[in-house]
Amino acid sequence: MTTTNDKSQEEEVDEANSAPLHEFGDRISSPEDAAIYSTANGLIEFHKSHKFCSYCGTPTLTSKAGSSRICSNHNSINSNGTCPSPTSIYPRIDVASIMLITSPCENYALLGRKKSWPKGRYSTLAGFLEIGETIEQCCIRETFEESGVYVDRSSLRFIKSQPWPFPRSLMTGFRARATFDSGRDGTSHEITRSSSNSSNSNGHDLLPTIRFDQDEMEDVRWFHRKYVAERITEGSTALSYKPMGQEEEFHIPGKSSLARYLILQWVREEEQSE
């Protein structure tokens, strides 16, 4: 597999002209270049999707060196303009939570996959913020909706964030533990003893039962820390990625994804404690 160090800047630019950013983002060599690509991708998507005013339908114009747009029927640039839209139209940013949920004993992580992903790719759960909720509430809700697993609210902590311009998201990364109690009405969560589905388990650990939404997820499982640690490869975030060998069974997203950071942080905790 070609590594970042083997690719010249010119090759990276050529690739940018012929492929979506998420197809080659793992191979961008520096954080500064990644930030430039990310900003450019987000602004291109913004200008493509805001060619007309949402208030009056009149064509919009670029403004402020391309960081915003303005309705050509606005009275600030047209003395006969009648559009009531804001003076500047800025890119919309969709906030999402992405979370590594561990078992109550923290030896297992809750990872899932979508049907559209390359074979064997598993990642952290994630979902978009809805109107009227906090990002912490989003994390708890999305975990339950995608897996049927309750989150211990007191364990929820923010880790870091990442711009994700596909086309206009901001990912907010969290870490939390699952619980056997819903925390609302005293309802107890169904318990499952670890098994072959809980990869590399000892058969004695108790885990919250998973009930995932098959319309949204193809699979959701508890993965033991040792199982994941033994299968850490370069991985990829590209949807066109063709896994080979062991990766066809299991691999995590590439370095451009916040999911990888969250997973590796959890995996390395055991190494640091040894």
C-alpha atoms as a PDB file:
ATOM      1  CA  MET A   1       0.000   0.000   0.000  1.00  0.00           C
ATOM      2  CA  THR A   2       1.357   3.434  -0.879  1.00  0.00           C
ATOM      3  CA  THR A   3       2.143   5.528   2.175  1.00  0.00           C
ATOM      4  CA  THR A   4       1.889   9.269   2.576  1.00  0.00           C
ATOM      5  CA  ASN A   5       5.666   9.674   2.478  1.00  0.00           C
ATOM      6  CA  ASP A   6       5.808   7.992  -0.940  1.00  0.00           C
ATOM      7  CA  LYS A   7       3.445  10.496  -2.532  1.00  0.00           C
ATOM      8  CA  SER A   8       4.567  13.905  -3.767  1.00  0.00           C
ATOM      9  CA  GLN A   9       2.568  17.088  -3.271  1.00  0.00           C
ATOM     10  CA  GLU A  10       1.850  17.133  -7.002  1.00  0.00           C
ATOM     11  CA  GLU A  11       0.342  13.642  -6.854  1.00  0.00           C
ATOM     12  CA  GLU A  12      -1.872  14.687  -3.951  1.00  0.00           C
ATOM     13  CA  VAL A  13      -3.094  17.704  -5.930  1.00  0.00           C
ATOM     14  CA  ASP A  14      -3.787  15.530  -9.003  1.00  0.00           C
ATOM     15  CA  GLU A  15      -5.764  13.130  -6.840  1.00  0.00           C
ATOM     16  CA  ALA A  16      -7.761  16.035  -5.424  1.00  0.00           C
ATOM     17  CA  ASN A  17      -8.817  16.972  -8.959  1.00  0.00           C
ATOM     18  CA  SER A  18     -10.186  13.506  -9.678  1.00  0.00           C
ATOM     19  CA  ALA A  19     -11.590  12.105  -6.419  1.00  0.00           C
ATOM     20  CA  PRO A  20     -13.758  13.190  -3.474  1.00  0.00           C
ATOM     21  CA  LEU A  21     -11.780  14.340  -0.442  1.00  0.00           C
ATOM     22  CA  HIS A  22     -12.810  11.390   1.723  1.00  0.00           C
ATOM     23  CA  GLU A  23     -11.277   9.024  -0.852  1.00  0.00           C
ATOM     24  CA  PHE A  24      -7.736  10.328  -0.357  1.00  0.00           C
ATOM     25  CA  GLY A  25      -7.873  12.256   2.928  1.00  0.00           C
ATOM     26  CA  ASP A  26      -5.944   9.554   4.816  1.00  0.00           C
ATOM     27  CA  ARG A  27      -2.947  10.180   2.577  1.00  0.00           C
ATOM     28  CA  ILE A  28      -2.668  13.946   3.045  1.00  0.00           C
ATOM     29  CA  SER A  29       0.694  14.392   4.706  1.00  0.00           C
ATOM     30  CA  SER A  30       0.327  17.452   6.946  1.00  0.00           C
ATOM     31  CA  PRO A  31      -2.402  18.869   9.229  1.00  0.00           C
ATOM     32  CA  GLU A  32      -2.012  22.248   7.494  1.00  0.00           C
ATOM     33  CA  ASP A  33      -2.709  20.735   4.063  1.00  0.00           C
ATOM     34  CA  ALA A  34      -5.631  18.754   5.478  1.00  0.00           C
ATOM     35  CA  ALA A  35      -7.139  21.959   6.874  1.00  0.00           C
ATOM     36  CA  ILE A  36      -6.813  23.684   3.486  1.00  0.00           C
ATOM     37  CA  TYR A  37      -8.416  20.768   1.634  1.00  0.00           C
ATOM     38  CA  SER A  38     -11.175  20.582   4.243  1.00  0.00           C
ATOM     39  CA  THR A  39     -11.961  24.298   4.045  1.00  0.00           C
ATOM     40  CA  ALA A  40     -11.898  24.275   0.248  1.00  0.00           C
ATOM     41  CA  ASN A  41     -14.183  21.234   0.072  1.00  0.00           C
ATOM     42  CA  GLY A  42     -16.683  22.809   2.450  1.00  0.00           C
ATOM     43  CA  LEU A  43     -16.736  26.135   0.590  1.00  0.00           C
ATOM     44  CA  ILE A  44     -17.124  24.435  -2.806  1.00  0.00           C
ATOM     45  CA  GLU A  45     -20.127  22.496  -1.504  1.00  0.00           C
ATOM     46  CA  PHE A  46     -21.556  25.695  -0.014  1.00  0.00           C
ATOM     47  CA  HIS A  47     -21.336  27.651  -3.269  1.00  0.00           C
ATOM     48  CA  LYS A  48     -22.752  24.729  -5.285  1.00  0.00           C
ATOM     49  CA  SER A  49     -25.807  24.415  -3.031  1.00  0.00           C
ATOM     50  CA  HIS A  50     -26.588  28.136  -2.500  1.00  0.00           C
ATOM     51  CA  LYS A  51     -26.818  29.506  -6.029  1.00  0.00           C
ATOM     52  CA  PHE A  52     -30.283  30.910  -5.358  1.00  0.00           C
ATOM     53  CA  CYS A  53     -31.773  32.832  -2.455  1.00  0.00           C
ATOM     54  CA  SER A  54     -33.985  30.736  -0.172  1.00  0.00           C
ATOM     55  CA  TYR A  55     -36.197  33.788   0.496  1.00  0.00           C
ATOM     56  CA  CYS A  56     -37.039  35.004  -3.003  1.00  0.00           C
ATOM     57  CA  GLY A  57     -35.380  32.613  -5.472  1.00  0.00           C
ATOM     58  CA  THR A  58     -33.146  35.281  -7.010  1.00  0.00           C
ATOM     59  CA  PRO A  59     -29.579  34.243  -7.917  1.00  0.00           C
ATOM     60  CA  THR A  60     -26.991  34.870  -5.207  1.00  0.00           C
ATOM     61  CA  LEU A  61     -23.519  36.349  -5.570  1.00  0.00           C
ATOM     62  CA  THR A  62     -20.263  35.528  -3.805  1.00  0.00           C
ATOM     63  CA  SER A  63     -19.152  38.006  -1.157  1.00  0.00           C
ATOM     64  CA  LYS A  64     -16.422  38.493   1.457  1.00  0.00           C
ATOM     65  CA  ALA A  65     -13.756  36.790  -0.672  1.00  0.00           C
ATOM     66  CA  GLY A  66     -15.927  33.723  -1.121  1.00  0.00           C
ATOM     67  CA  SER A  67     -16.656  33.077   2.553  1.00  0.00           C
ATOM     68  CA  SER A  68     -20.325  33.988   2.106  1.00  0.00           C
ATOM     69  CA  ARG A  69     -22.986  34.805  -0.483  1.00  0.00           C
ATOM     70  CA  ILE A  70     -25.582  37.555  -0.837  1.00  0.00           C
ATOM     71  CA  CYS A  71     -28.897  37.770  -2.652  1.00  0.00           C
ATOM     72  CA  SER A  72     -28.635  39.910  -5.799  1.00  0.00           C
ATOM     73  CA  ASN A  73     -32.090  41.274  -4.911  1.00  0.00           C
ATOM     74  CA  HIS A  74     -30.922  42.606  -1.532  1.00  0.00           C
ATOM     75  CA  ASN A  75     -31.095  46.381  -1.050  1.00  0.00           C
ATOM     76  CA  SER A  76     -27.494  46.540   0.176  1.00  0.00           C
ATOM     77  CA  ILE A  77     -26.265  45.904  -3.382  1.00  0.00           C
ATOM     78  CA  ASN A  78     -29.389  46.742  -5.394  1.00  0.00           C
ATOM     79  CA  SER A  79     -31.183  50.033  -4.727  1.00  0.00           C
ATOM     80  CA  ASN A  80     -34.418  48.497  -5.975  1.00  0.00           C
ATOM     81  CA  GLY A  81     -33.898  45.281  -4.072  1.00  0.00           C
ATOM     82  CA  THR A  82     -36.814  43.927  -2.042  1.00  0.00           C
ATOM     83  CA  CYS A  83     -35.468  40.646  -0.606  1.00  0.00           C
ATOM     84  CA  PRO A  84     -35.766  40.372   3.223  1.00  0.00           C
ATOM     85  CA  SER A  85     -32.880  37.866   3.469  1.00  0.00           C
ATOM     86  CA  PRO A  86     -29.897  38.545   5.774  1.00  0.00           C
ATOM     87  CA  THR A  87     -27.131  40.708   4.351  1.00  0.00           C
ATOM     88  CA  SER A  88     -24.780  37.715   4.267  1.00  0.00           C
ATOM     89  CA  ILE A  89     -25.560  34.045   3.739  1.00  0.00           C
ATOM     90  CA  TYR A  90     -22.975  31.832   5.449  1.00  0.00           C
ATOM     91  CA  PRO A  91     -22.226  28.119   5.139  1.00  0.00           C
ATOM     92  CA  ARG A  92     -24.397  25.930   7.351  1.00  0.00           C
ATOM     93  CA  ILE A  93     -22.588  23.619   9.751  1.00  0.00           C
ATOM     94  CA  ASP A  94     -24.327  20.412  10.848  1.00  0.00           C
ATOM     95  CA  VAL A  95     -23.195  19.318  14.309  1.00  0.00           C
ATOM     96  CA  ALA A  96     -22.917  15.605  15.022  1.00  0.00           C
ATOM     97  CA  SER A  97     -21.796  13.508  17.957  1.00  0.00           C
ATOM     98  CA  ILE A  98     -19.404  10.603  17.462  1.00  0.00           C
ATOM     99  CA  MET A  99     -18.872   8.425  20.498  1.00  0.00           C
ATOM    100  CA  LEU A 100     -16.835   5.506  21.712  1.00  0.00           C
ATOM    101  CA  ILE A 101     -19.105   3.630  24.095  1.00  0.00           C
ATOM    102  CA  THR A 102     -17.417   1.031  26.265  1.00  0.00           C
ATOM    103  CA  SER A 103     -18.918  -1.756  28.346  1.00  0.00           C
ATOM    104  CA  PRO A 104     -19.362  -1.090  32.097  1.00  0.00           C
ATOM    105  CA  CYS A 105     -16.026  -2.918  32.665  1.00  0.00           C
ATOM    106  CA  GLU A 106     -14.453  -0.854  29.822  1.00  0.00           C
ATOM    107  CA  ASN A 107     -12.868  -3.952  28.265  1.00  0.00           C
ATOM    108  CA  TYR A 108     -15.248  -3.882  25.302  1.00  0.00           C
ATOM    109  CA  ALA A 109     -16.151  -1.176  22.786  1.00  0.00           C
ATOM    110  CA  LEU A 110     -19.447  -0.820  20.943  1.00  0.00           C
ATOM    111  CA  LEU A 111     -18.663  -0.638  17.229  1.00  0.00           C
ATOM    112  CA  GLY A 112     -20.939  -0.850  14.212  1.00  0.00           C
ATOM    113  CA  ARG A 113     -20.948  -0.803  10.428  1.00  0.00           C
ATOM    114  CA  LYS A 114     -23.208   0.401   7.612  1.00  0.00           C
ATOM    115  CA  LYS A 115     -24.078  -1.603   4.500  1.00  0.00           C
ATOM    116  CA  SER A 116     -22.403   0.918   2.197  1.00  0.00           C
ATOM    117  CA  TRP A 117     -19.006   0.550   3.885  1.00  0.00           C
ATOM    118  CA  PRO A 118     -16.181  -1.665   2.629  1.00  0.00           C
ATOM    119  CA  LYS A 119     -16.229  -5.235   3.921  1.00  0.00           C
ATOM    120  CA  GLY A 120     -14.976  -5.556   7.492  1.00  0.00           C
ATOM    121  CA  ARG A 121     -15.040  -1.855   8.416  1.00  0.00           C
ATOM    122  CA  TYR A 122     -16.305  -1.138  11.931  1.00  0.00           C
ATOM    123  CA  SER A 123     -16.412   2.256  13.565  1.00  0.00           C
ATOM    124  CA  THR A 124     -17.815   4.192  16.487  1.00  0.00           C
ATOM    125  CA  LEU A 125     -21.476   5.141  16.491  1.00  0.00           C
ATOM    126  CA  ALA A 126     -22.430   8.678  15.432  1.00  0.00           C
ATOM    127  CA  GLY A 127     -25.422  10.852  14.652  1.00  0.00           C
ATOM    128  CA  PHE A 128     -26.645  14.389  14.044  1.00  0.00           C
ATOM    129  CA  LEU A 129     -27.816  16.857  16.647  1.00  0.00           C
ATOM    130  CA  GLU A 130     -31.570  17.509  16.607  1.00  0.00           C
ATOM    131  CA  ILE A 131     -33.356  20.763  17.383  1.00  0.00           C
ATOM    132  CA  GLY A 132     -33.780  21.389  21.095  1.00  0.00           C
ATOM    133  CA  GLU A 133     -31.154  18.966  22.421  1.00  0.00           C
ATOM    134  CA  THR A 134     -27.629  19.340  23.732  1.00  0.00           C
ATOM    135  CA  ILE A 135     -24.747  17.534  22.069  1.00  0.00           C
ATOM    136  CA  GLU A 136     -24.531  15.299  25.162  1.00  0.00           C
ATOM    137  CA  GLN A 137     -28.193  14.349  24.787  1.00  0.00           C
ATOM    138  CA  CYS A 138     -27.535  13.654  21.119  1.00  0.00           C
ATOM    139  CA  CYS A 139     -24.776  11.229  22.070  1.00  0.00           C
ATOM    140  CA  ILE A 140     -27.051   9.315  24.451  1.00  0.00           C
ATOM    141  CA  ARG A 141     -30.012   9.258  22.060  1.00  0.00           C
ATOM    142  CA  GLU A 142     -28.039   8.176  19.008  1.00  0.00           C
ATOM    143  CA  THR A 143     -26.362   5.364  20.935  1.00  0.00           C
ATOM    144  CA  PHE A 144     -29.736   4.004  22.005  1.00  0.00           C
ATOM    145  CA  GLU A 145     -31.330   4.455  18.572  1.00  0.00           C
ATOM    146  CA  GLU A 146     -28.501   2.683  16.744  1.00  0.00           C
ATOM    147  CA  SER A 147     -27.746  -0.077  19.248  1.00  0.00           C
ATOM    148  CA  GLY A 148     -30.447  -0.258  21.930  1.00  0.00           C
ATOM    149  CA  VAL A 149     -27.737   0.311  24.563  1.00  0.00           C
ATOM    150  CA  TYR A 150     -28.173   2.788  27.418  1.00  0.00           C
ATOM    151  CA  VAL A 151     -25.381   5.240  28.269  1.00  0.00           C
ATOM    152  CA  ASP A 152     -24.295   6.082  31.818  1.00  0.00           C
ATOM    153  CA  ARG A 153     -24.843   9.846  31.723  1.00  0.00           C
ATOM    154  CA  SER A 154     -22.337  10.503  34.515  1.00  0.00           C
ATOM    155  CA  SER A 155     -19.557   8.870  32.470  1.00  0.00           C
ATOM    156  CA  LEU A 156     -20.026  11.007  29.365  1.00  0.00           C
ATOM    157  CA  ARG A 157     -17.009  13.204  28.594  1.00  0.00           C
ATOM    158  CA  PHE A 158     -15.909  15.288  25.643  1.00  0.00           C
ATOM    159  CA  ILE A 159     -12.637  14.238  23.956  1.00  0.00           C
ATOM    160  CA  LYS A 160     -12.091  16.435  20.887  1.00  0.00           C
ATOM    161  CA  SER A 161     -13.801  17.759  17.757  1.00  0.00           C
ATOM    162  CA  GLN A 162     -13.107  17.577  14.037  1.00  0.00           C
ATOM    163  CA  PRO A 163     -14.420  19.392  10.954  1.00  0.00           C
ATOM    164  CA  TRP A 164     -15.961  16.852   8.585  1.00  0.00           C
ATOM    165  CA  PRO A 165     -16.866  18.692   5.360  1.00  0.00           C
ATOM    166  CA  PHE A 166     -18.953  15.932   3.749  1.00  0.00           C
ATOM    167  CA  PRO A 167     -20.528  18.210   3.002  1.00  0.00           C
ATOM    168  CA  ARG A 168     -20.682  20.474   6.086  1.00  0.00           C
ATOM    169  CA  SER A 169     -20.405  18.674   9.434  1.00  0.00           C
ATOM    170  CA  LEU A 170     -18.603  19.247  12.714  1.00  0.00           C
ATOM    171  CA  MET A 171     -17.927  16.014  14.589  1.00  0.00           C
ATOM    172  CA  THR A 172     -17.808  16.257  18.393  1.00  0.00           C
ATOM    173  CA  GLY A 173     -16.075  13.243  19.904  1.00  0.00           C
ATOM    174  CA  PHE A 174     -17.196  11.703  23.201  1.00  0.00           C
ATOM    175  CA  ARG A 175     -16.324   8.779  25.420  1.00  0.00           C
ATOM    176  CA  ALA A 176     -18.824   7.082  27.737  1.00  0.00           C
ATOM    177  CA  ARG A 177     -19.694   3.799  29.419  1.00  0.00           C
ATOM    178  CA  ALA A 178     -22.774   1.726  28.808  1.00  0.00           C
ATOM    179  CA  THR A 179     -25.046   0.878  31.723  1.00  0.00           C
ATOM    180  CA  PHE A 180     -27.571  -1.835  32.563  1.00  0.00           C
ATOM    181  CA  ASP A 181     -30.043   0.777  33.844  1.00  0.00           C
ATOM    182  CA  SER A 182     -31.995   3.160  31.608  1.00  0.00           C
ATOM    183  CA  GLY A 183     -31.579   5.902  34.227  1.00  0.00           C
ATOM    184  CA  ARG A 184     -35.153   7.105  33.700  1.00  0.00           C
ATOM    185  CA  ASP A 185     -37.756   4.884  35.278  1.00  0.00           C
ATOM    186  CA  GLY A 186     -35.534   2.288  36.855  1.00  0.00           C
ATOM    187  CA  THR A 187     -35.914  -0.030  33.883  1.00  0.00           C
ATOM    188  CA  SER A 188     -33.151  -2.617  33.779  1.00  0.00           C
ATOM    189  CA  HIS A 189     -31.326  -3.347  30.557  1.00  0.00           C
ATOM    190  CA  GLU A 190     -31.294  -6.920  29.298  1.00  0.00           C
ATOM    191  CA  ILE A 191     -27.917  -8.524  29.987  1.00  0.00           C
ATOM    192  CA  THR A 192     -25.899 -10.716  27.649  1.00  0.00           C
ATOM    193  CA  ARG A 193     -22.971 -12.887  28.688  1.00  0.00           C
ATOM    194  CA  SER A 194     -20.009 -12.347  26.374  1.00  0.00           C
ATOM    195  CA  SER A 195     -19.834 -14.893  23.567  1.00  0.00           C
ATOM    196  CA  SER A 196     -18.264 -15.498  20.178  1.00  0.00           C
ATOM    197  CA  ASN A 197     -19.964 -12.317  18.936  1.00  0.00           C
ATOM    198  CA  SER A 198     -18.077 -10.380  21.603  1.00  0.00           C
ATOM    199  CA  SER A 199     -14.790 -11.017  19.863  1.00  0.00           C
ATOM    200  CA  ASN A 200     -11.965 -12.379  22.025  1.00  0.00           C
ATOM    201  CA  SER A 201     -14.158 -12.490  25.135  1.00  0.00           C
ATOM    202  CA  ASN A 202     -13.537 -14.736  28.106  1.00  0.00           C
ATOM    203  CA  GLY A 203     -17.153 -15.913  28.167  1.00  0.00           C
ATOM    204  CA  HIS A 204     -17.801 -14.529  31.659  1.00  0.00           C
ATOM    205  CA  ASP A 205     -18.166 -10.782  31.150  1.00  0.00           C
ATOM    206  CA  LEU A 206     -21.665  -9.341  31.357  1.00  0.00           C
ATOM    207  CA  LEU A 207     -22.580  -6.947  28.561  1.00  0.00           C
ATOM    208  CA  PRO A 208     -25.681  -4.868  27.787  1.00  0.00           C
ATOM    209  CA  THR A 209     -27.708  -6.589  25.069  1.00  0.00           C
ATOM    210  CA  ILE A 210     -27.492  -4.997  21.620  1.00  0.00           C
ATOM    211  CA  ARG A 211     -30.673  -4.384  19.621  1.00  0.00           C
ATOM    212  CA  PHE A 212     -29.606  -2.400  16.577  1.00  0.00           C
ATOM    213  CA  ASP A 213     -31.739  -0.699  13.943  1.00  0.00           C
ATOM    214  CA  GLN A 214     -31.338  -2.846  10.818  1.00  0.00           C
ATOM    215  CA  ASP A 215     -32.624  -0.031   8.618  1.00  0.00           C
ATOM    216  CA  GLU A 216     -29.670   2.107   9.684  1.00  0.00           C
ATOM    217  CA  MET A 217     -26.920  -0.335  10.638  1.00  0.00           C
ATOM    218  CA  GLU A 218     -25.801  -3.615   9.117  1.00  0.00           C
ATOM    219  CA  ASP A 219     -24.158  -4.802  12.314  1.00  0.00           C
ATOM    220  CA  VAL A 220     -23.306  -3.601  15.836  1.00  0.00           C
ATOM    221  CA  ARG A 221     -21.162  -5.636  18.230  1.00  0.00           C
ATOM    222  CA  TRP A 222     -19.139  -5.547  21.421  1.00  0.00           C
ATOM    223  CA  PHE A 223     -15.434  -5.909  20.563  1.00  0.00           C
ATOM    224  CA  HIS A 224     -12.866  -6.838  23.189  1.00  0.00           C
ATOM    225  CA  ARG A 225      -9.916  -4.467  23.524  1.00  0.00           C
ATOM    226  CA  LYS A 226      -7.379  -7.213  22.802  1.00  0.00           C
ATOM    227  CA  TYR A 227      -9.226  -8.254  19.629  1.00  0.00           C
ATOM    228  CA  VAL A 228      -9.151  -4.688  18.312  1.00  0.00           C
ATOM    229  CA  ALA A 229      -5.529  -4.103  19.356  1.00  0.00           C
ATOM    230  CA  GLU A 230      -4.377  -7.170  17.418  1.00  0.00           C
ATOM    231  CA  ARG A 231      -6.125  -5.940  14.262  1.00  0.00           C
ATOM    232  CA  ILE A 232      -4.977  -2.340  14.074  1.00  0.00           C
ATOM    233  CA  THR A 233      -3.809  -1.640  10.522  1.00  0.00           C
ATOM    234  CA  GLU A 234      -3.586   1.540   8.460  1.00  0.00           C
ATOM    235  CA  GLY A 235      -7.236   1.072   7.580  1.00  0.00           C
ATOM    236  CA  SER A 236      -8.962   3.639   5.405  1.00  0.00           C
ATOM    237  CA  THR A 237     -11.774   6.157   5.412  1.00  0.00           C
ATOM    238  CA  ALA A 238     -12.351   5.789   1.645  1.00  0.00           C
ATOM    239  CA  LEU A 239     -15.589   4.115   0.581  1.00  0.00           C
ATOM    240  CA  SER A 240     -13.784   2.626  -2.417  1.00  0.00           C
ATOM    241  CA  TYR A 241     -11.220   0.897  -0.188  1.00  0.00           C
ATOM    242  CA  LYS A 242     -10.635  -2.789  -0.973  1.00  0.00           C
ATOM    243  CA  PRO A 243      -9.658  -4.618   2.238  1.00  0.00           C
ATOM    244  CA  MET A 244      -7.514  -7.734   1.956  1.00  0.00           C
ATOM    245  CA  GLY A 245      -6.809 -10.664   4.236  1.00  0.00           C
ATOM    246  CA  GLN A 246      -7.594 -10.042   7.890  1.00  0.00           C
ATOM    247  CA  GLU A 247      -9.058  -6.594   7.104  1.00  0.00           C
ATOM    248  CA  GLU A 248     -11.989  -8.278   5.334  1.00  0.00           C
ATOM    249  CA  GLU A 249     -13.070  -9.486   8.764  1.00  0.00           C
ATOM    250  CA  PHE A 250     -12.289  -6.343  10.743  1.00  0.00           C
ATOM    251  CA  HIS A 251     -10.618  -2.970  10.281  1.00  0.00           C
ATOM    252  CA  ILE A 252     -11.213   0.535  11.590  1.00  0.00           C
ATOM    253  CA  PRO A 253     -11.320   3.849   9.671  1.00  0.00           C
ATOM    254  CA  GLY A 254      -8.114   5.572   8.553  1.00  0.00           C
ATOM    255  CA  LYS A 255      -6.197   8.385  10.204  1.00  0.00           C
ATOM    256  CA  SER A 256      -8.387  11.171   8.821  1.00  0.00           C
ATOM    257  CA  SER A 257     -11.308  10.003  10.958  1.00  0.00           C
ATOM    258  CA  LEU A 258     -11.967  11.060  14.549  1.00  0.00           C
ATOM    259  CA  ALA A 259     -13.374   7.556  15.074  1.00  0.00           C
ATOM    260  CA  ARG A 260      -9.866   6.113  14.717  1.00  0.00           C
ATOM    261  CA  TYR A 261      -8.506   8.537  17.319  1.00  0.00           C
ATOM    262  CA  LEU A 262     -11.215   7.538  19.816  1.00  0.00           C
ATOM    263  CA  ILE A 263     -10.670   3.823  19.229  1.00  0.00           C
ATOM    264  CA  LEU A 264      -6.870   4.015  19.481  1.00  0.00           C
ATOM    265  CA  GLN A 265      -7.068   6.100  22.654  1.00  0.00           C
ATOM    266  CA  TRP A 266      -9.139   3.330  24.277  1.00  0.00           C
ATOM    267  CA  VAL A 267      -6.909   0.515  22.953  1.00  0.00           C
ATOM    268  CA  ARG A 268      -3.726   2.175  24.241  1.00  0.00           C
ATOM    269  CA  GLU A 269      -5.065   2.625  27.764  1.00  0.00           C
ATOM    270  CA  GLU A 270      -4.338  -1.033  28.491  1.00  0.00           C
ATOM    271  CA  GLU A 271      -0.827  -0.721  27.055  1.00  0.00           C
ATOM    272  CA  GLN A 272      -0.109   2.289  29.279  1.00  0.00           C
ATOM    273  CA  SER A 273      -1.331   0.476  32.381  1.00  0.00           C
ATOM    274  CA  GLU A 274       0.953  -2.521  31.811  1.00  0.00           C
END
